[in-house]
C-alpha atoms as a PDB file:
ATOM      1  CA  MET A   1       3.069 -51.052  53.603  1.00  0.00           C
ATOM      2  CA  LYS A   2       3.882 -47.554  52.491  1.00  0.00           C
ATOM      3  CA  ASP A   3       0.732 -47.215  50.334  1.00  0.00           C
ATOM      4  CA  LEU A   4      -1.676 -48.113  53.124  1.00  0.00           C
ATOM      5  CA  ASP A   5      -4.359 -45.455  53.602  1.00  0.00           C
ATOM      6  CA  THR A   6      -3.117 -43.332  50.699  1.00  0.00           C
ATOM      7  CA  PRO A   7      -4.878 -42.476  47.431  1.00  0.00           C
ATOM      8  CA  GLU A   8      -2.510 -44.872  45.618  1.00  0.00           C
ATOM      9  CA  GLY A   9      -3.104 -47.751  48.021  1.00  0.00           C
ATOM     10  CA  ILE A  10      -5.879 -49.459  49.898  1.00  0.00           C
ATOM     11  CA  THR A  11      -7.421 -48.473  53.181  1.00  0.00           C
ATOM     12  CA  HIS A  12      -6.688 -50.253  56.438  1.00  0.00           C
ATOM     13  CA  GLY A  13     -10.286 -51.542  56.435  1.00  0.00           C
ATOM     14  CA  GLU A  14      -9.903 -52.973  52.920  1.00  0.00           C
ATOM     15  CA  LEU A  15      -6.704 -54.712  53.962  1.00  0.00           C
ATOM     16  CA  LEU A  16      -8.403 -56.240  57.015  1.00  0.00           C
ATOM     17  CA  GLU A  17     -11.352 -57.431  54.943  1.00  0.00           C
ATOM     18  CA  THR A  18      -8.969 -58.994  52.406  1.00  0.00           C
ATOM     19  CA  VAL A  19      -7.071 -60.803  55.144  1.00  0.00           C
ATOM     20  CA  ARG A  20     -10.338 -62.014  56.690  1.00  0.00           C
ATOM     21  CA  ALA A  21     -11.488 -63.338  53.324  1.00  0.00           C
ATOM     22  CA  ILE A  22      -8.216 -65.184  52.791  1.00  0.00           C
ATOM     23  CA  LEU A  23      -8.157 -66.647  56.293  1.00  0.00           C
ATOM     24  CA  THR A  24     -11.776 -67.763  56.010  1.00  0.00           C
ATOM     25  CA  GLY A  25     -10.692 -70.037  53.192  1.00  0.00           C
ATOM     26  CA  GLY A  26      -8.646 -71.983  55.695  1.00  0.00           C
ATOM     27  CA  ALA A  27      -6.305 -74.557  54.274  1.00  0.00           C
ATOM     28  CA  GLU A  28      -7.800 -74.604  50.799  1.00  0.00           C
ATOM     29  CA  THR A  29      -5.219 -74.778  48.058  1.00  0.00           C
ATOM     30  CA  VAL A  30      -6.273 -71.510  46.427  1.00  0.00           C
ATOM     31  CA  ALA A  31      -6.217 -69.655  49.746  1.00  0.00           C
ATOM     32  CA  THR A  32      -2.782 -71.053  50.531  1.00  0.00           C
ATOM     33  CA  ALA A  33      -1.430 -70.082  47.111  1.00  0.00           C
ATOM     34  CA  LEU A  34      -2.890 -66.589  47.424  1.00  0.00           C
ATOM     35  CA  CYS A  35      -1.415 -66.124  50.892  1.00  0.00           C
ATOM     36  CA  ALA A  36       1.988 -67.276  49.649  1.00  0.00           C
ATOM     37  CA  THR A  37       1.821 -64.916  46.677  1.00  0.00           C
ATOM     38  CA  ILE A  38       0.930 -61.973  48.916  1.00  0.00           C
ATOM     39  CA  TYR A  39       3.717 -62.936  51.319  1.00  0.00           C
ATOM     40  CA  TYR A  40       6.331 -63.025  48.555  1.00  0.00           C
ATOM     41  CA  LEU A  41       5.064 -59.743  47.095  1.00  0.00           C
ATOM     42  CA  CYS A  42       5.378 -58.070  50.494  1.00  0.00           C
ATOM     43  CA  ARG A  43       8.948 -59.343  50.786  1.00  0.00           C
ATOM     44  CA  SER A  44       9.837 -58.041  47.305  1.00  0.00           C
ATOM     45  CA  PRO A  45       8.766 -54.385  47.045  1.00  0.00           C
ATOM     46  CA  ALA A  46      10.297 -53.955  43.575  1.00  0.00           C
ATOM     47  CA  VAL A  47       8.259 -56.874  42.235  1.00  0.00           C
ATOM     48  CA  PHE A  48       5.128 -55.559  43.963  1.00  0.00           C
ATOM     49  CA  ASP A  49       5.675 -52.091  42.475  1.00  0.00           C
ATOM     50  CA  LYS A  50       6.195 -53.484  38.965  1.00  0.00           C
ATOM     51  CA  LEU A  51       3.071 -55.632  39.260  1.00  0.00           C
ATOM     52  CA  LYS A  52       1.066 -52.705  40.616  1.00  0.00           C
ATOM     53  CA  ALA A  53       2.246 -50.531  37.715  1.00  0.00           C
ATOM     54  CA  GLU A  54       1.216 -53.184  35.173  1.00  0.00           C
ATOM     55  CA  ILE A  55      -2.253 -53.539  36.671  1.00  0.00           C
ATOM     56  CA  ARG A  56      -2.891 -49.832  37.190  1.00  0.00           C
ATOM     57  CA  GLY A  57      -1.450 -49.009  33.769  1.00  0.00           C
ATOM     58  CA  THR A  58      -3.728 -51.527  32.074  1.00  0.00           C
ATOM     59  CA  PHE A  59      -7.040 -50.869  33.777  1.00  0.00           C
ATOM     60  CA  SER A  60      -8.720 -47.496  34.137  1.00  0.00           C
ATOM     61  CA  SER A  61     -11.610 -48.857  36.219  1.00  0.00           C
ATOM     62  CA  TYR A  62     -12.704 -51.952  38.116  1.00  0.00           C
ATOM     63  CA  ASP A  63     -15.264 -52.630  35.382  1.00  0.00           C
ATOM     64  CA  ALA A  64     -12.446 -53.168  32.878  1.00  0.00           C
ATOM     65  CA  ILE A  65     -11.083 -56.086  34.906  1.00  0.00           C
ATOM     66  CA  ASN A  66     -12.363 -59.445  33.694  1.00  0.00           C
ATOM     67  CA  LYS A  67     -11.070 -62.911  32.950  1.00  0.00           C
ATOM     68  CA  ASP A  68     -10.023 -62.121  29.389  1.00  0.00           C
ATOM     69  CA  SER A  69      -8.285 -58.825  30.174  1.00  0.00           C
ATOM     70  CA  VAL A  70      -6.386 -60.285  33.143  1.00  0.00           C
ATOM     71  CA  LEU A  71      -5.035 -63.107  30.976  1.00  0.00           C
ATOM     72  CA  LYS A  72      -3.177 -60.482  28.908  1.00  0.00           C
ATOM     73  CA  LEU A  73      -1.084 -59.328  31.897  1.00  0.00           C
ATOM     74  CA  ASP A  74       2.297 -60.973  31.313  1.00  0.00           C
ATOM     75  CA  TYR A  75       3.954 -59.843  34.533  1.00  0.00           C
ATOM     76  CA  LEU A  76       0.985 -60.941  36.659  1.00  0.00           C
ATOM     77  CA  SER A  77       1.173 -64.350  35.023  1.00  0.00           C
ATOM     78  CA  ALA A  78       4.902 -64.540  35.760  1.00  0.00           C
ATOM     79  CA  VAL A  79       4.335 -63.553  39.407  1.00  0.00           C
ATOM     80  CA  ILE A  80       1.665 -66.235  39.842  1.00  0.00           C
ATOM     81  CA  ASN A  81       3.775 -68.903  38.149  1.00  0.00           C
ATOM     82  CA  GLU A  82       6.850 -68.065  40.224  1.00  0.00           C
ATOM     83  CA  SER A  83       4.821 -68.048  43.424  1.00  0.00           C
ATOM     84  CA  LEU A  84       3.446 -71.505  42.643  1.00  0.00           C
ATOM     85  CA  ARG A  85       6.921 -72.736  41.718  1.00  0.00           C
ATOM     86  CA  ILE A  86       8.491 -71.764  45.028  1.00  0.00           C
ATOM     87  CA  MET A  87       5.623 -72.905  47.246  1.00  0.00           C
END
């Protein structure tokens, strides 16, 4: 990932902790869907970049992210729906 350990991306430690959290979930449906979504995003850099731009363009801080505000993200919704469709 080109954004790893850059100001625009996440740190290597954050990535490892995220992977550990996902793997801890085991074969749960949500964990499987999340892993598949991350896999497809990694294989489609243009989609990942567009999604990242939508999220970063919408939220100025972590505190602004909540259930109601996330539901307004059309591209995120499309990414999730497509990921579930192709699983």
